[in-house]
Structures are given as C-alpha cells and as structure tokens.
Amino acid sequence: MSEYWILAAILLPIIGGALTPLLPFKKRKGMMVYLELLMLATSAIVLSLVAHGPTEVFEVIYFVRDLSISFKIDGMSMVFAGLVAVLWPLAMLYSFEYMEHEGHEKIFFMFYSMTYGITLGIAFASDMLSMYFFYEMLTLVTVPLVMHTLKREAILASRKYLYYSLGGAAFALLGLVFLIVYGDTVEFVMGGVLNLEKIGDKTNTLLLIYLLAFMGFGVKAAIWPLSSWLPSAGVAPTPVTALLHAVAVVKAGVFAIIRLTYYSFGTDFLRGTWVQAVVMGFAMFSIVYGCSRAVKETHIKRRLAYSTVSNLSYIIFGATIMTPWGMTGALAHMVCHAFMKICSFLCAGAFMHQTGKSYIYEMNGMGRKMPVVFGCFTVSALGLMGVPGLAGFVSKWNLAGAAVESGNVQAYFGIGCLLISALLTAIYMMSIVIRAFFPGRDFDDSAIASVKDPTWKMCLPLICFAAGVIVLGLFSSPLIAFFQDVAAGIY
C-alpha cells in the first residue's frame, strides 16, 4: 500500500468528524449511518496498513535538521493502531443509543470522531516529535468531550484533566529536548538513540530527565500520584469515559512510556540504575493503590476508574522490567485490558442509561432484568480478576513470568502486588455481579419491573467485547508470538 494511506487514515476521521455539525442531515439516522461508515472506512484502511502497509518513514512536514512530522509503521504502531481500529467502530455504534437524549449530539460526535484520527497519529508517529505533536492534540480534542454536559462538575473535571495534561506535557517536552541534544536522532529505534559520547559524565542528569519525561507521559497513564483526574472525568458521558479509560487517552499514555523507554532512551542505558527502581516502585504502588480505592468506592464509574489506575500500572510495571519478556507482557495487558475495561465500562453505562441509577447498592437484582448487560459484565469481571481461559490471565501470566525471568528482586515484590491486586479485584468486581444476580430473598422484584436490556445498538458491542475477552484468553498464542517479535525488534 502507498504511504499516503497512512495520512488518509489519520485525516479521514478528523475531517469527516469536523464536517459533522455542518452537514444538513434530515434525520438522525442519516447522521448515524454517515458516522458509522466513517469509522468503518477508517478502520478498514488501518487494518490494511497493519497487514500490508509500508515500513519506510513517510515525512509529511519538514522543520529543521532531522525534525519533522513523520509516520512509520512498525510493531508498536501495528499493536496500538490495530487495537483502536477494532474497538472504535463498536464504541461509536454503542454511543448512538446512549447519546440520543444527551443533547449537543453533533458537537459530541465531531470531537469523538476527531479523537480517532489523532489517536492514529500517535500510533503511526515515527519519532518523538511527531508523537508529542499528536499527544498534545489528543488533550485538546478530548477536553470538550469531558465537559460535554456543561454541568459544574463536568467543567471542573475538564479543567482538572487539562491542568494535569498540560503539566505532564511540560515534563515530556524536557525529554524531547534532551533527546534532540544527546541523541543521534529522535526517530524511534529499538534499543534507544542516545549517544554515550555526547552524554559523557551527564548520565545522572539524563536519568533524571527520563524520570521527569516518564512521569509527564504518566499523567495520561494515570500513574500515582498523577491519577486523580481519571475518576473525576467519570462525569462525562459513558462513551467518553470508555474512550478515556480503555482505548485512546490512557493507552496513549502507556504507549508513550513504552516508546520512551525502549525506543528513545533504551533499556541498556536504564536497566539496573536508580531510575529503574524508582519508576518500577511508582508502578507497583499504583497497582495496589488503584484497586484499594476501587474496593472502597460505591459509584460504579468511579470504581471502574480506580480499577483502570491499577491495571494501567500493570502495563507500566511490565515496561519497567526492561526486558523483551517484560515488554511482551506490557503489550499483552495493553490489548487484553482494553477489551475487558471497555466491556465493563459500557455495561455500566448501559445500566445507568436504562435505570438512571449510578451506585453499586442500586444494582440489586439488575442481572435478572438485564441478562445480556450483566452477563457481559461478568465475563469482563472474571477477566480482570485473571481467571484462566480469559484475557486477563494471559497478560498477567506473562507479566509474572517476565518478573521472575528478570532476576530483579524488586520485580519479585511486583508479583506480590499483582497477587494482592487480583484478590482486591475479585472483591470489587464480583461484589457487583453477586448483587446483580443474587439480591437476596427479601428483594422486591416489583421495584425494577420495568427495567430491561437496551436495544441491539448497545448490546451488540457488549457481546463483541465479551467475546473478545474469551477469544483472547483461549487463542492468545499467535498474538503473544507477535508481541515477542515486536519486543525482539523484528517488527
């Protein structure tokens, strides 16, 4: 395929989304068909690029020296772009029913579609400058989605998200500047691009800069103590929070951390240093912190938000092991968590949409009235716990194996954090399932007599995501083999 198809994949949802408020749709159905076809066309292009795309660098805008906006398809691009291409059309289909009575639909779908293209820009970026450019655009295009309802709490949440993101961007920019000065290039090269002769006796300075850049990108990856924006952003419509928590924003954060660690600074430069111990420590603490807060939380979306904080740090923990197997485990959980979390979030959104309720104590008996929604939620809950045969077990097994293989004593303690997290995840996820299906003998079914599953536009995506959790758990070998090749630098 021509390299111009990369540009087409990025620009199609951006331009198509921007046109949404301007096009004179006579009926809402016309807008729905237009947007879904836009998503499907973009995903078809992306999946074709992943399968048969060009591998050379495609320079779009040249600045100076080796600084440009450029794109390239490598293993990491294939993983992230392929993931969003599979999930986005289904999330769009779900949002049609959810947003029917939310208001300002055209504006919502404009930004929702544009976010797809900008996320692909991050995935296909060939160097740190290009990725940083789209990374910042992602912040700007998702802020209006968080504040969509224009209620006071939505505006406050969007401000918090913006302030955190801009602060993180400043630290990430430091990393970019130092890579320009002390690197041979800003291109992504497996093993890193730092020039040891240029660095000389400034090793500790570069390690400090890596830590700052790591934490800068860690804002979107919701690493503690920079994670409080994520539960606050739960005030946004559920299609947005699913987007934030499972597909675009948080995955862009962990994607950037993997790029920074393996493709820019390089694991040979970082492994065994004090900075590895520090960033791994942040990841380990975040794993336990997130699921501990989730156990305490009673609001369904905030509980799932804290769950996301914990699970994102699984990915970061794998990345900070700084071995090929560690990267394999990180990529595995990046994909598996996306399916599990988008499924659980959209199930929670369906419950809220159908009942107008938001709290876990209000879910009693709902599983009997909404069997499709809570059946899919149960699959995602078991997957997040790490039950064998489901997606979560595959990624957690690889993360634990990588920790053992590394020989790093701190990573051994990381396995303990994974086990504690698995126990707490069982508590905060299965308590919902038990309430939904087994409310107790004295429960009055007549109180929820009118509750039922939503229409196919919501149920079909949920069933597809739940099926994905099962398929990834049972038939993961080809995918894990591909991740191993990516981690080895073959792709």
Foldseek 3Di string as FASTA:
>chain_A
DDPCLLVVLLVQLLVLLQCLVVDDDPDPVVSLVSLLVSLLVSLVSLQCCLVDNDADKAFDADDDDQDGQIFGDDLQLSLQSNLCSVQLSLLSLQVSVLCVPLPPVSLLSSLSSNLNSLLNQLSGTFFLNSNLVSLVVNLVSLLCQLCVSVDPLSPVLSVLSNVLLVQLSVLLVLLVVVLVQQFPHRGFDFQAGGDCVSCPPVLVVNLVSLLSNLVSLCLLLLFPPNNPSLLSSLVGQLSSNLCSLFHGRNLSSLSVNLSCDGGHHGLVSVPPDPSLVVQLVSLLVQLQQLLVVLLVDFFQSSSLSSLSSNLSSLLSNLSSLRALLSQLLSSLSSSLVNLLSSLLSLLQSQVCSQPVDGTLLVQAQQCVAEVLSLVLLVLSLCLSLLPALWSNVVSLVSQLVSLVVSPDPVSPVSNVSNNSSSVSSCNSSVVSSCRRHPVDDPDDPVVCVPGHGDDCSSSVSSVVSSVVRNCCRNPVVVVSVSSSCVSVVVD
